[in-house]
Amino acid sequence: MLNFRDAVHGGVLMGLAHEAQNAFFATDTDYDFRRLRLCVDYLRPAPSEGRLVFRSTVVRGGRRLRTVRTEIAGSDGKVVAVATGTTAATARAS
């Protein structure tokens, strides 16, 4: 899970950001969400020691499309990556 610099590999960060956004949407039981796009901007190497903290916020909360921004920070509080994901919301069948 580490790259040659002994930092967390970018693919692992992307997968974790994807799951953090899934968990963020899981609280909305009225809709099903399908990921349309996920983009990650890597700002600095993610430390291999300590915890990673994920903070998700809605950037755009439209009726059909929703965009969420997830900041990934190391245990020191420095943001190592920012993931932006767009999803389509469809009403769940009763």
C-alpha atoms as a PDB file:
ATOM      1  CA  MET A   1       0.000   0.000   0.000  1.00  0.00           C
ATOM      2  CA  LEU A   2       3.045   2.261   0.061  1.00  0.00           C
ATOM      3  CA  ASN A   3       4.912   3.714  -2.884  1.00  0.00           C
ATOM      4  CA  PHE A   4       8.675   3.940  -3.360  1.00  0.00           C
ATOM      5  CA  ARG A   5       8.763   7.108  -1.187  1.00  0.00           C
ATOM      6  CA  ASP A   6       7.287   5.190   1.776  1.00  0.00           C
ATOM      7  CA  ALA A   7       4.062   7.201   1.445  1.00  0.00           C
ATOM      8  CA  VAL A   8       0.534   5.873   0.930  1.00  0.00           C
ATOM      9  CA  HIS A   9       0.025   5.033  -2.765  1.00  0.00           C
ATOM     10  CA  GLY A  10      -2.291   7.390  -4.670  1.00  0.00           C
ATOM     11  CA  GLY A  11      -4.548   4.540  -5.787  1.00  0.00           C
ATOM     12  CA  VAL A  12      -5.168   3.630  -2.150  1.00  0.00           C
ATOM     13  CA  LEU A  13      -6.043   7.253  -1.364  1.00  0.00           C
ATOM     14  CA  MET A  14      -8.484   7.336  -4.288  1.00  0.00           C
ATOM     15  CA  GLY A  15     -10.156   4.107  -3.154  1.00  0.00           C
ATOM     16  CA  LEU A  16     -10.477   5.393   0.414  1.00  0.00           C
ATOM     17  CA  ALA A  17     -11.887   8.723  -0.809  1.00  0.00           C
ATOM     18  CA  HIS A  18     -14.432   6.803  -2.897  1.00  0.00           C
ATOM     19  CA  GLU A  19     -15.543   4.829   0.158  1.00  0.00           C
ATOM     20  CA  ALA A  20     -15.646   7.972   2.325  1.00  0.00           C
ATOM     21  CA  GLN A  21     -18.033   9.542  -0.179  1.00  0.00           C
ATOM     22  CA  ASN A  22     -20.125   6.355  -0.293  1.00  0.00           C
ATOM     23  CA  ALA A  23     -20.410   6.483   3.503  1.00  0.00           C
ATOM     24  CA  PHE A  24     -21.341  10.171   3.283  1.00  0.00           C
ATOM     25  CA  PHE A  25     -24.238   9.356   0.925  1.00  0.00           C
ATOM     26  CA  ALA A  26     -25.317   6.269   2.898  1.00  0.00           C
ATOM     27  CA  THR A  27     -27.101   8.479   5.414  1.00  0.00           C
ATOM     28  CA  ASP A  28     -29.623   9.521   2.714  1.00  0.00           C
ATOM     29  CA  THR A  29     -32.096   6.627   2.590  1.00  0.00           C
ATOM     30  CA  ASP A  30     -34.429   8.231   0.025  1.00  0.00           C
ATOM     31  CA  TYR A  31     -32.037   7.935  -2.928  1.00  0.00           C
ATOM     32  CA  ASP A  32     -29.621   5.545  -4.585  1.00  0.00           C
ATOM     33  CA  PHE A  33     -26.396   7.118  -5.790  1.00  0.00           C
ATOM     34  CA  ARG A  34     -24.273   6.192  -8.777  1.00  0.00           C
ATOM     35  CA  ARG A  35     -20.796   7.647  -9.148  1.00  0.00           C
ATOM     36  CA  LEU A  36     -20.282   9.513 -12.401  1.00  0.00           C
ATOM     37  CA  ARG A  37     -16.858  11.005 -11.784  1.00  0.00           C
ATOM     38  CA  LEU A  38     -14.112  11.030  -9.178  1.00  0.00           C
ATOM     39  CA  CYS A  39     -11.080  13.285  -9.429  1.00  0.00           C
ATOM     40  CA  VAL A  40      -8.248  13.418  -6.898  1.00  0.00           C
ATOM     41  CA  ASP A  41      -5.715  16.212  -6.570  1.00  0.00           C
ATOM     42  CA  TYR A  42      -2.624  15.022  -4.716  1.00  0.00           C
ATOM     43  CA  LEU A  43      -1.049  17.880  -2.753  1.00  0.00           C
ATOM     44  CA  ARG A  44       1.741  16.203  -0.772  1.00  0.00           C
ATOM     45  CA  PRO A  45       2.873  12.689   0.154  1.00  0.00           C
ATOM     46  CA  ALA A  46       0.492  10.957   2.569  1.00  0.00           C
ATOM     47  CA  PRO A  47       2.391   9.756   5.641  1.00  0.00           C
ATOM     48  CA  SER A  48       2.597   6.008   6.160  1.00  0.00           C
ATOM     49  CA  GLU A  49       2.431   6.438   9.936  1.00  0.00           C
ATOM     50  CA  GLY A  50      -0.532   7.773  11.903  1.00  0.00           C
ATOM     51  CA  ARG A  51      -4.128   8.218  10.795  1.00  0.00           C
ATOM     52  CA  LEU A  52      -5.745   9.660   7.729  1.00  0.00           C
ATOM     53  CA  VAL A  53      -8.801  11.845   8.338  1.00  0.00           C
ATOM     54  CA  PHE A  54     -11.528  12.243   5.692  1.00  0.00           C
ATOM     55  CA  ARG A  55     -13.904  15.238   5.708  1.00  0.00           C
ATOM     56  CA  SER A  56     -16.678  15.359   3.126  1.00  0.00           C
ATOM     57  CA  THR A  57     -18.891  18.320   2.296  1.00  0.00           C
ATOM     58  CA  VAL A  58     -21.488  18.947  -0.390  1.00  0.00           C
ATOM     59  CA  VAL A  59     -20.282  21.409  -3.005  1.00  0.00           C
ATOM     60  CA  ARG A  60     -23.411  21.245  -5.147  1.00  0.00           C
ATOM     61  CA  GLY A  61     -26.613  19.590  -3.974  1.00  0.00           C
ATOM     62  CA  GLY A  62     -28.923  19.623  -6.966  1.00  0.00           C
ATOM     63  CA  ARG A  63     -32.074  17.576  -7.447  1.00  0.00           C
ATOM     64  CA  ARG A  64     -30.371  14.983  -9.654  1.00  0.00           C
ATOM     65  CA  LEU A  65     -26.610  15.601  -9.562  1.00  0.00           C
ATOM     66  CA  ARG A  66     -24.593  16.067  -6.393  1.00  0.00           C
ATOM     67  CA  THR A  67     -20.964  17.014  -6.042  1.00  0.00           C
ATOM     68  CA  VAL A  68     -19.002  16.216  -2.892  1.00  0.00           C
ATOM     69  CA  ARG A  69     -15.536  17.391  -1.903  1.00  0.00           C
ATOM     70  CA  THR A  70     -13.496  15.181   0.401  1.00  0.00           C
ATOM     71  CA  GLU A  71     -10.344  16.440   2.062  1.00  0.00           C
ATOM     72  CA  ILE A  72      -7.830  13.824   3.157  1.00  0.00           C
ATOM     73  CA  ALA A  73      -5.533  14.967   5.956  1.00  0.00           C
ATOM     74  CA  GLY A  74      -2.738  13.303   7.857  1.00  0.00           C
ATOM     75  CA  SER A  75      -2.721  13.035  11.635  1.00  0.00           C
ATOM     76  CA  ASP A  76      -0.824  16.346  11.715  1.00  0.00           C
ATOM     77  CA  GLY A  77      -3.830  18.066  10.101  1.00  0.00           C
ATOM     78  CA  LYS A  78      -2.103  18.857   6.797  1.00  0.00           C
ATOM     79  CA  VAL A  79      -4.279  18.141   3.759  1.00  0.00           C
ATOM     80  CA  VAL A  80      -2.555  15.587   1.523  1.00  0.00           C
ATOM     81  CA  ALA A  81      -5.242  15.227  -1.162  1.00  0.00           C
ATOM     82  CA  VAL A  82      -8.625  16.580  -2.218  1.00  0.00           C
ATOM     83  CA  ALA A  83     -11.174  14.340  -3.976  1.00  0.00           C
ATOM     84  CA  THR A  84     -14.129  15.721  -5.880  1.00  0.00           C
ATOM     85  CA  GLY A  85     -16.892  13.297  -6.804  1.00  0.00           C
ATOM     86  CA  THR A  86     -20.080  13.765  -8.804  1.00  0.00           C
ATOM     87  CA  THR A  87     -22.973  11.343  -8.365  1.00  0.00           C
ATOM     88  CA  ALA A  88     -26.409  10.890  -9.864  1.00  0.00           C
ATOM     89  CA  ALA A  89     -29.291  10.485  -7.406  1.00  0.00           C
ATOM     90  CA  THR A  90     -32.296   8.320  -8.248  1.00  0.00           C
ATOM     91  CA  ALA A  91     -35.315   7.869  -6.005  1.00  0.00           C
ATOM     92  CA  ARG A  92     -35.529   4.467  -4.363  1.00  0.00           C
ATOM     93  CA  ALA A  93     -38.474   2.327  -5.393  1.00  0.00           C
ATOM     94  CA  SER A  94     -41.043   1.844  -2.623  1.00  0.00           C
END
